[in-house]
Amino acid sequence: MDHSSDLDQIHQLKARYFRLMDTKDWDGLREVFTTDVRIDTTVDSGTVIDGIDAYLPFLISQIGDVTTAHHGHMPEITVVDENTATGIWAMEDELWWPEGSPIKYLHGYGHYHETYVRTTAGWKISSLKLTRLHRVFEFADPA
C-alpha cells in the first residue's frame, strides 16, 4: 500500500510542531497533539506528562521566555496501520535564556520518538519522548 500521502502529512505535522514551538504559538501548538498525548520529558525534567492540558502549562513554564530554534532531520516513519504511525526524528536545538537566568545557552542533539494517530482533523502526535545524545551548556557568570 502506498502511504506517501500519510508520510507527507506527518512530515508537515512535525514541521508545524517545530515552528509553533519556536514562535511560541501555544494555541497552534495545542492542535498538533491529541488531547490525551503522553509526553516523556524524563531526559530534561524527570517528568512524564499525560494530556495536552497539563503539558502546555509545563512547556510554557520551561521555555515561554526562552528563544528557541528546533530542527528535525532524517525522519524514520513507519505506518503501522490505517490510523497509526510511529516515527523517530534526529533533532538539534538551541536555546537562549533571558538576561538574569542561571543558564545562558543550550545546544542539544538527540532524537524524538513519537506515535501518531489519524483523527478527523488529520494526523496528530499522540506520544512524544525526547532522548538526548549530547548537550552543551553555557551558564551565567556568578554574581
N, C-alpha and C. Protein backbone atom coordinates (compact mmCIF):
# COMPACT_ATOMS: atom_id res chain seq x y z
N MET A 1 0.84 -1.19 0.00
CA MET A 1 0.00 0.00 0.00
C MET A 1 0.88 1.25 0.00
N ASP A 2 0.50 2.25 -0.76
CA ASP A 2 1.24 3.49 -0.86
C ASP A 2 0.82 4.45 0.26
N HIS A 3 1.76 4.77 1.13
CA HIS A 3 1.48 5.67 2.25
C HIS A 3 2.17 7.01 2.08
N SER A 4 2.53 7.38 0.84
CA SER A 4 3.28 8.62 0.64
C SER A 4 2.51 9.85 1.11
N SER A 5 1.20 9.86 0.95
CA SER A 5 0.40 10.99 1.43
C SER A 5 0.44 11.07 2.95
N ASP A 6 0.34 9.92 3.62
CA ASP A 6 0.42 9.90 5.09
C ASP A 6 1.79 10.39 5.56
N LEU A 7 2.84 9.93 4.91
CA LEU A 7 4.19 10.35 5.29
C LEU A 7 4.35 11.86 5.11
N ASP A 8 3.85 12.39 4.01
CA ASP A 8 3.94 13.83 3.77
C ASP A 8 3.17 14.59 4.85
N GLN A 9 2.00 14.12 5.22
CA GLN A 9 1.20 14.79 6.24
C GLN A 9 1.90 14.76 7.61
N ILE A 10 2.56 13.65 7.92
CA ILE A 10 3.28 13.56 9.19
C ILE A 10 4.50 14.47 9.17
N HIS A 11 5.20 14.56 8.04
CA HIS A 11 6.32 15.50 7.92
C HIS A 11 5.84 16.93 8.14
N GLN A 12 4.70 17.28 7.54
CA GLN A 12 4.14 18.63 7.71
C GLN A 12 3.76 18.87 9.17
N LEU A 13 3.20 17.87 9.82
CA LEU A 13 2.82 17.96 11.23
C LEU A 13 4.04 18.29 12.08
N LYS A 14 5.13 17.58 11.87
CA LYS A 14 6.32 17.79 12.68
C LYS A 14 6.95 19.15 12.37
N ALA A 15 6.91 19.57 11.12
CA ALA A 15 7.41 20.90 10.77
C ALA A 15 6.61 21.97 11.52
N ARG A 16 5.28 21.81 11.56
CA ARG A 16 4.44 22.76 12.31
C ARG A 16 4.82 22.75 13.78
N TYR A 17 5.03 21.56 14.34
CA TYR A 17 5.42 21.44 15.75
C TYR A 17 6.64 22.32 16.05
N PHE A 18 7.69 22.17 15.25
CA PHE A 18 8.91 22.95 15.48
C PHE A 18 8.65 24.44 15.33
N ARG A 19 7.97 24.84 14.27
CA ARG A 19 7.71 26.26 14.03
C ARG A 19 6.85 26.87 15.13
N LEU A 20 5.78 26.19 15.51
CA LEU A 20 4.87 26.73 16.52
C LEU A 20 5.54 26.82 17.89
N MET A 21 6.40 25.85 18.22
CA MET A 21 7.13 25.92 19.48
C MET A 21 8.09 27.11 19.47
N ASP A 22 8.83 27.26 18.40
CA ASP A 22 9.83 28.33 18.34
C ASP A 22 9.20 29.72 18.27
N THR A 23 8.01 29.83 17.69
CA THR A 23 7.34 31.13 17.61
C THR A 23 6.40 31.37 18.79
N LYS A 24 6.35 30.39 19.70
CA LYS A 24 5.53 30.49 20.93
C LYS A 24 4.05 30.64 20.61
N ASP A 25 3.61 29.97 19.57
CA ASP A 25 2.18 29.95 19.21
C ASP A 25 1.54 28.77 19.94
N TRP A 26 1.22 29.00 21.21
CA TRP A 26 0.75 27.92 22.08
C TRP A 26 -0.59 27.36 21.63
N ASP A 27 -1.50 28.21 21.15
CA ASP A 27 -2.80 27.71 20.67
C ASP A 27 -2.61 26.83 19.44
N GLY A 28 -1.74 27.25 18.53
CA GLY A 28 -1.45 26.43 17.36
C GLY A 28 -0.76 25.14 17.74
N LEU A 29 0.17 25.20 18.69
CA LEU A 29 0.89 24.00 19.12
C LEU A 29 -0.06 22.99 19.72
N ARG A 30 -1.05 23.45 20.45
CA ARG A 30 -2.05 22.54 21.04
C ARG A 30 -2.68 21.64 19.96
N GLU A 31 -2.85 22.18 18.76
CA GLU A 31 -3.55 21.46 17.69
C GLU A 31 -2.72 20.35 17.05
N VAL A 32 -1.41 20.29 17.30
CA VAL A 32 -0.62 19.20 16.70
C VAL A 32 -0.68 17.93 17.55
N PHE A 33 -1.24 18.04 18.76
CA PHE A 33 -1.30 16.91 19.69
C PHE A 33 -2.72 16.40 19.88
N THR A 34 -2.84 15.13 20.24
CA THR A 34 -4.12 14.61 20.71
C THR A 34 -4.36 15.17 22.11
N THR A 35 -5.59 15.21 22.54
CA THR A 35 -5.88 15.74 23.88
C THR A 35 -5.27 14.88 24.98
N ASP A 36 -5.11 13.58 24.71
CA ASP A 36 -4.57 12.66 25.72
C ASP A 36 -3.09 12.34 25.49
N VAL A 37 -2.38 13.20 24.79
CA VAL A 37 -0.97 12.97 24.46
C VAL A 37 -0.17 12.62 25.71
N ARG A 38 0.81 11.74 25.55
CA ARG A 38 1.75 11.41 26.62
C ARG A 38 3.11 11.96 26.22
N ILE A 39 3.66 12.85 27.07
CA ILE A 39 4.94 13.49 26.81
C ILE A 39 5.94 13.01 27.85
N ASP A 40 7.02 12.41 27.39
CA ASP A 40 8.06 11.91 28.28
C ASP A 40 9.24 12.87 28.22
N THR A 41 9.38 13.68 29.27
CA THR A 41 10.46 14.65 29.35
C THR A 41 11.49 14.23 30.40
N THR A 42 11.56 12.93 30.69
CA THR A 42 12.45 12.48 31.76
C THR A 42 13.90 12.85 31.50
N VAL A 43 14.30 12.94 30.24
CA VAL A 43 15.70 13.28 29.94
C VAL A 43 16.04 14.71 30.38
N ASP A 44 15.08 15.62 30.35
CA ASP A 44 15.34 17.02 30.71
C ASP A 44 14.80 17.39 32.09
N SER A 45 13.62 16.89 32.44
CA SER A 45 12.99 17.34 33.69
C SER A 45 12.57 16.21 34.61
N GLY A 46 12.74 14.97 34.18
CA GLY A 46 12.35 13.85 35.03
C GLY A 46 10.85 13.65 35.13
N THR A 47 10.11 14.11 34.13
CA THR A 47 8.65 14.11 34.22
C THR A 47 8.02 13.43 33.00
N VAL A 48 6.95 12.67 33.26
CA VAL A 48 6.07 12.17 32.21
C VAL A 48 4.74 12.88 32.41
N ILE A 49 4.23 13.48 31.35
CA ILE A 49 3.02 14.29 31.44
C ILE A 49 1.95 13.69 30.54
N ASP A 50 0.76 13.52 31.09
CA ASP A 50 -0.37 13.00 30.33
C ASP A 50 -1.37 14.10 30.06
N GLY A 51 -1.66 14.32 28.78
CA GLY A 51 -2.69 15.26 28.38
C GLY A 51 -2.14 16.62 28.00
N ILE A 52 -2.73 17.17 26.95
CA ILE A 52 -2.28 18.47 26.44
C ILE A 52 -2.55 19.58 27.45
N ASP A 53 -3.63 19.45 28.24
CA ASP A 53 -3.95 20.49 29.22
C ASP A 53 -2.92 20.57 30.34
N ALA A 54 -2.22 19.49 30.61
CA ALA A 54 -1.13 19.50 31.59
C ALA A 54 0.20 19.86 30.93
N TYR A 55 0.38 19.44 29.68
CA TYR A 55 1.67 19.65 29.02
C TYR A 55 1.93 21.11 28.66
N LEU A 56 0.95 21.79 28.09
CA LEU A 56 1.20 23.17 27.64
C LEU A 56 1.62 24.10 28.77
N PRO A 57 0.94 24.11 29.92
CA PRO A 57 1.43 24.98 31.01
C PRO A 57 2.85 24.61 31.45
N PHE A 58 3.16 23.32 31.47
CA PHE A 58 4.52 22.89 31.81
C PHE A 58 5.52 23.44 30.79
N LEU A 59 5.22 23.27 29.50
CA LEU A 59 6.13 23.73 28.45
C LEU A 59 6.34 25.24 28.52
N ILE A 60 5.25 25.97 28.71
CA ILE A 60 5.35 27.43 28.80
C ILE A 60 6.21 27.83 30.00
N SER A 61 6.08 27.11 31.11
CA SER A 61 6.90 27.43 32.29
C SER A 61 8.38 27.17 32.03
N GLN A 62 8.68 26.24 31.13
CA GLN A 62 10.07 25.88 30.84
C GLN A 62 10.71 26.78 29.78
N ILE A 63 9.97 27.10 28.72
CA ILE A 63 10.58 27.83 27.59
C ILE A 63 9.77 29.03 27.12
N GLY A 64 8.78 29.45 27.88
CA GLY A 64 7.94 30.57 27.45
C GLY A 64 8.71 31.84 27.17
N ASP A 65 9.77 32.10 27.96
CA ASP A 65 10.57 33.31 27.75
C ASP A 65 11.96 33.00 27.20
N VAL A 66 12.13 31.80 26.65
CA VAL A 66 13.41 31.36 26.10
C VAL A 66 13.33 31.41 24.57
N THR A 67 14.32 32.00 23.94
CA THR A 67 14.40 31.97 22.47
C THR A 67 14.90 30.59 22.08
N THR A 68 14.15 29.92 21.19
CA THR A 68 14.49 28.55 20.81
C THR A 68 14.56 28.40 19.30
N ALA A 69 15.39 27.46 18.87
CA ALA A 69 15.45 27.07 17.46
C ALA A 69 15.59 25.55 17.43
N HIS A 70 14.53 24.89 16.96
CA HIS A 70 14.50 23.43 16.88
C HIS A 70 14.55 22.99 15.43
N HIS A 71 15.31 21.93 15.19
CA HIS A 71 15.40 21.36 13.85
C HIS A 71 15.22 19.86 13.93
N GLY A 72 14.42 19.31 13.03
CA GLY A 72 14.23 17.87 12.92
C GLY A 72 14.80 17.39 11.60
N HIS A 73 15.47 16.25 11.64
CA HIS A 73 16.16 15.74 10.47
C HIS A 73 15.93 14.23 10.31
N MET A 74 16.06 13.77 9.10
CA MET A 74 16.12 12.35 8.77
C MET A 74 15.03 11.51 9.44
N PRO A 75 13.76 11.82 9.19
CA PRO A 75 12.70 11.07 9.85
C PRO A 75 12.64 9.62 9.39
N GLU A 76 12.40 8.75 10.35
CA GLU A 76 12.13 7.34 10.08
C GLU A 76 10.67 7.10 10.50
N ILE A 77 9.77 7.12 9.54
CA ILE A 77 8.35 6.99 9.82
C ILE A 77 7.88 5.61 9.37
N THR A 78 7.15 4.93 10.25
CA THR A 78 6.55 3.64 9.92
C THR A 78 5.05 3.75 10.08
N VAL A 79 4.31 3.50 9.01
CA VAL A 79 2.85 3.46 9.10
C VAL A 79 2.49 2.07 9.61
N VAL A 80 1.92 2.02 10.81
CA VAL A 80 1.61 0.75 11.46
C VAL A 80 0.32 0.18 10.90
N ASP A 81 -0.69 1.03 10.80
CA ASP A 81 -1.96 0.64 10.20
C ASP A 81 -2.62 1.90 9.66
N GLU A 82 -3.85 1.81 9.25
CA GLU A 82 -4.53 2.92 8.59
C GLU A 82 -4.58 4.20 9.44
N ASN A 83 -4.56 4.04 10.77
CA ASN A 83 -4.74 5.19 11.66
C ASN A 83 -3.62 5.41 12.67
N THR A 84 -2.51 4.67 12.54
CA THR A 84 -1.42 4.76 13.50
C THR A 84 -0.08 4.72 12.77
N ALA A 85 0.85 5.52 13.25
CA ALA A 85 2.22 5.52 12.71
C ALA A 85 3.18 5.82 13.86
N THR A 86 4.44 5.45 13.66
CA THR A 86 5.49 5.78 14.61
C THR A 86 6.60 6.51 13.88
N GLY A 87 7.39 7.25 14.62
CA GLY A 87 8.48 7.97 13.99
C GLY A 87 9.62 8.25 14.93
N ILE A 88 10.80 8.33 14.36
CA ILE A 88 12.00 8.77 15.06
C ILE A 88 12.62 9.87 14.21
N TRP A 89 12.87 11.01 14.84
CA TRP A 89 13.47 12.16 14.17
C TRP A 89 14.78 12.52 14.87
N ALA A 90 15.86 12.61 14.12
CA ALA A 90 17.07 13.21 14.67
C ALA A 90 16.76 14.69 14.90
N MET A 91 17.26 15.23 16.01
CA MET A 91 16.96 16.62 16.31
C MET A 91 18.18 17.36 16.81
N GLU A 92 18.12 18.67 16.62
CA GLU A 92 19.10 19.58 17.17
C GLU A 92 18.34 20.81 17.65
N ASP A 93 18.69 21.29 18.83
CA ASP A 93 18.05 22.50 19.31
C ASP A 93 19.06 23.44 19.94
N GLU A 94 18.73 24.72 19.88
CA GLU A 94 19.50 25.76 20.55
C GLU A 94 18.52 26.61 21.34
N LEU A 95 18.90 26.93 22.58
CA LEU A 95 18.04 27.71 23.46
C LEU A 95 18.86 28.82 24.09
N TRP A 96 18.30 30.03 24.10
CA TRP A 96 18.94 31.19 24.69
C TRP A 96 18.01 31.76 25.78
N TRP A 97 18.45 31.75 27.04
CA TRP A 97 17.64 32.23 28.14
C TRP A 97 17.81 33.74 28.28
N PRO A 98 16.80 34.40 28.86
CA PRO A 98 16.90 35.85 29.03
C PRO A 98 17.95 36.23 30.07
N GLU A 99 18.40 37.46 29.98
CA GLU A 99 19.37 38.01 30.93
C GLU A 99 18.89 37.77 32.35
N GLY A 100 19.80 37.34 33.20
CA GLY A 100 19.47 37.12 34.61
C GLY A 100 19.14 35.67 34.93
N SER A 101 19.02 34.82 33.93
CA SER A 101 18.74 33.40 34.16
C SER A 101 20.04 32.68 34.51
N PRO A 102 19.95 31.59 35.28
CA PRO A 102 21.17 30.86 35.63
C PRO A 102 21.82 30.15 34.44
N ILE A 103 21.02 29.81 33.45
CA ILE A 103 21.54 29.21 32.22
C ILE A 103 21.47 30.27 31.13
N LYS A 104 22.53 30.41 30.34
CA LYS A 104 22.53 31.37 29.23
C LYS A 104 22.15 30.69 27.92
N TYR A 105 22.66 29.45 27.72
CA TYR A 105 22.58 28.83 26.40
C TYR A 105 22.65 27.32 26.51
N LEU A 106 21.92 26.65 25.62
CA LEU A 106 21.98 25.19 25.49
C LEU A 106 21.99 24.85 24.01
N HIS A 107 22.87 23.96 23.62
CA HIS A 107 22.89 23.40 22.27
C HIS A 107 22.80 21.89 22.45
N GLY A 108 21.70 21.30 21.97
CA GLY A 108 21.47 19.89 22.21
C GLY A 108 21.27 19.09 20.94
N TYR A 109 21.52 17.80 21.08
CA TYR A 109 21.37 16.84 19.98
C TYR A 109 20.68 15.60 20.53
N GLY A 110 19.82 15.00 19.74
CA GLY A 110 19.15 13.79 20.20
C GLY A 110 18.13 13.30 19.21
N HIS A 111 17.08 12.66 19.74
CA HIS A 111 16.03 12.08 18.90
C HIS A 111 14.66 12.24 19.55
N TYR A 112 13.69 12.52 18.71
CA TYR A 112 12.29 12.44 19.11
C TYR A 112 11.78 11.06 18.72
N HIS A 113 11.11 10.38 19.66
CA HIS A 113 10.45 9.09 19.41
C HIS A 113 8.97 9.37 19.57
N GLU A 114 8.19 9.16 18.51
CA GLU A 114 6.79 9.60 18.53
C GLU A 114 5.84 8.54 18.00
N THR A 115 4.59 8.71 18.43
CA THR A 115 3.48 7.94 17.88
C THR A 115 2.47 8.94 17.34
N TYR A 116 1.89 8.62 16.19
CA TYR A 116 0.92 9.49 15.54
C TYR A 116 -0.38 8.72 15.36
N VAL A 117 -1.49 9.44 15.46
CA VAL A 117 -2.80 8.85 15.16
C VAL A 117 -3.53 9.76 14.18
N ARG A 118 -4.29 9.11 13.30
CA ARG A 118 -5.13 9.87 12.37
C ARG A 118 -6.43 10.23 13.09
N THR A 119 -6.78 11.50 13.05
CA THR A 119 -8.03 11.97 13.64
C THR A 119 -8.87 12.58 12.52
N THR A 120 -10.06 13.02 12.85
CA THR A 120 -10.90 13.68 11.85
C THR A 120 -10.26 14.98 11.38
N ALA A 121 -9.35 15.54 12.19
CA ALA A 121 -8.64 16.77 11.82
C ALA A 121 -7.28 16.48 11.19
N GLY A 122 -6.98 15.22 10.91
CA GLY A 122 -5.69 14.85 10.32
C GLY A 122 -4.80 14.16 11.34
N TRP A 123 -3.54 13.91 10.95
CA TRP A 123 -2.58 13.25 11.83
C TRP A 123 -2.22 14.15 13.00
N LYS A 124 -2.07 13.55 14.19
CA LYS A 124 -1.66 14.28 15.39
C LYS A 124 -0.65 13.44 16.16
N ILE A 125 0.16 14.11 16.95
CA ILE A 125 1.13 13.42 17.81
C ILE A 125 0.39 12.92 19.05
N SER A 126 0.48 11.60 19.30
CA SER A 126 -0.19 11.04 20.48
C SER A 126 0.79 10.65 21.58
N SER A 127 2.07 10.54 21.25
CA SER A 127 3.10 10.38 22.28
C SER A 127 4.40 10.92 21.74
N LEU A 128 5.20 11.43 22.67
CA LEU A 128 6.49 12.04 22.31
C LEU A 128 7.46 11.77 23.44
N LYS A 129 8.62 11.27 23.08
CA LYS A 129 9.71 11.09 24.05
C LYS A 129 10.97 11.67 23.41
N LEU A 130 11.64 12.55 24.15
CA LEU A 130 12.89 13.12 23.69
C LEU A 130 14.04 12.41 24.39
N THR A 131 15.00 11.94 23.59
CA THR A 131 16.23 11.39 24.14
C THR A 131 17.37 12.30 23.69
N ARG A 132 18.37 12.41 24.50
CA ARG A 132 19.50 13.31 24.21
C ARG A 132 20.78 12.50 24.03
N LEU A 133 21.56 12.88 23.02
CA LEU A 133 22.88 12.29 22.81
C LEU A 133 23.97 13.16 23.43
N HIS A 134 23.76 14.47 23.34
CA HIS A 134 24.79 15.40 23.82
C HIS A 134 24.16 16.76 24.07
N ARG A 135 24.67 17.45 25.08
CA ARG A 135 24.23 18.81 25.39
C ARG A 135 25.44 19.66 25.74
N VAL A 136 25.44 20.88 25.25
CA VAL A 136 26.47 21.85 25.59
C VAL A 136 25.76 23.02 26.28
N PHE A 137 26.11 23.26 27.54
CA PHE A 137 25.52 24.35 28.31
C PHE A 137 26.51 25.49 28.44
N GLU A 138 25.95 26.70 28.52
CA GLU A 138 26.71 27.86 28.94
C GLU A 138 25.92 28.47 30.09
N PHE A 139 26.57 28.56 31.23
CA PHE A 139 25.90 29.06 32.42
C PHE A 139 26.25 30.54 32.63
N ALA A 140 25.36 31.23 33.32
CA ALA A 140 25.59 32.64 33.63
C ALA A 140 26.77 32.76 34.58
N ASP A 141 27.47 33.86 34.47
CA ASP A 141 28.60 34.12 35.37
C ASP A 141 28.05 34.35 36.79
N PRO A 142 28.73 33.80 37.79
CA PRO A 142 28.28 34.05 39.17
C PRO A 142 28.35 35.56 39.48
N ALA A 143 27.40 36.01 40.24
CA ALA A 143 27.34 37.46 40.57
C ALA A 143 28.46 37.88 41.47
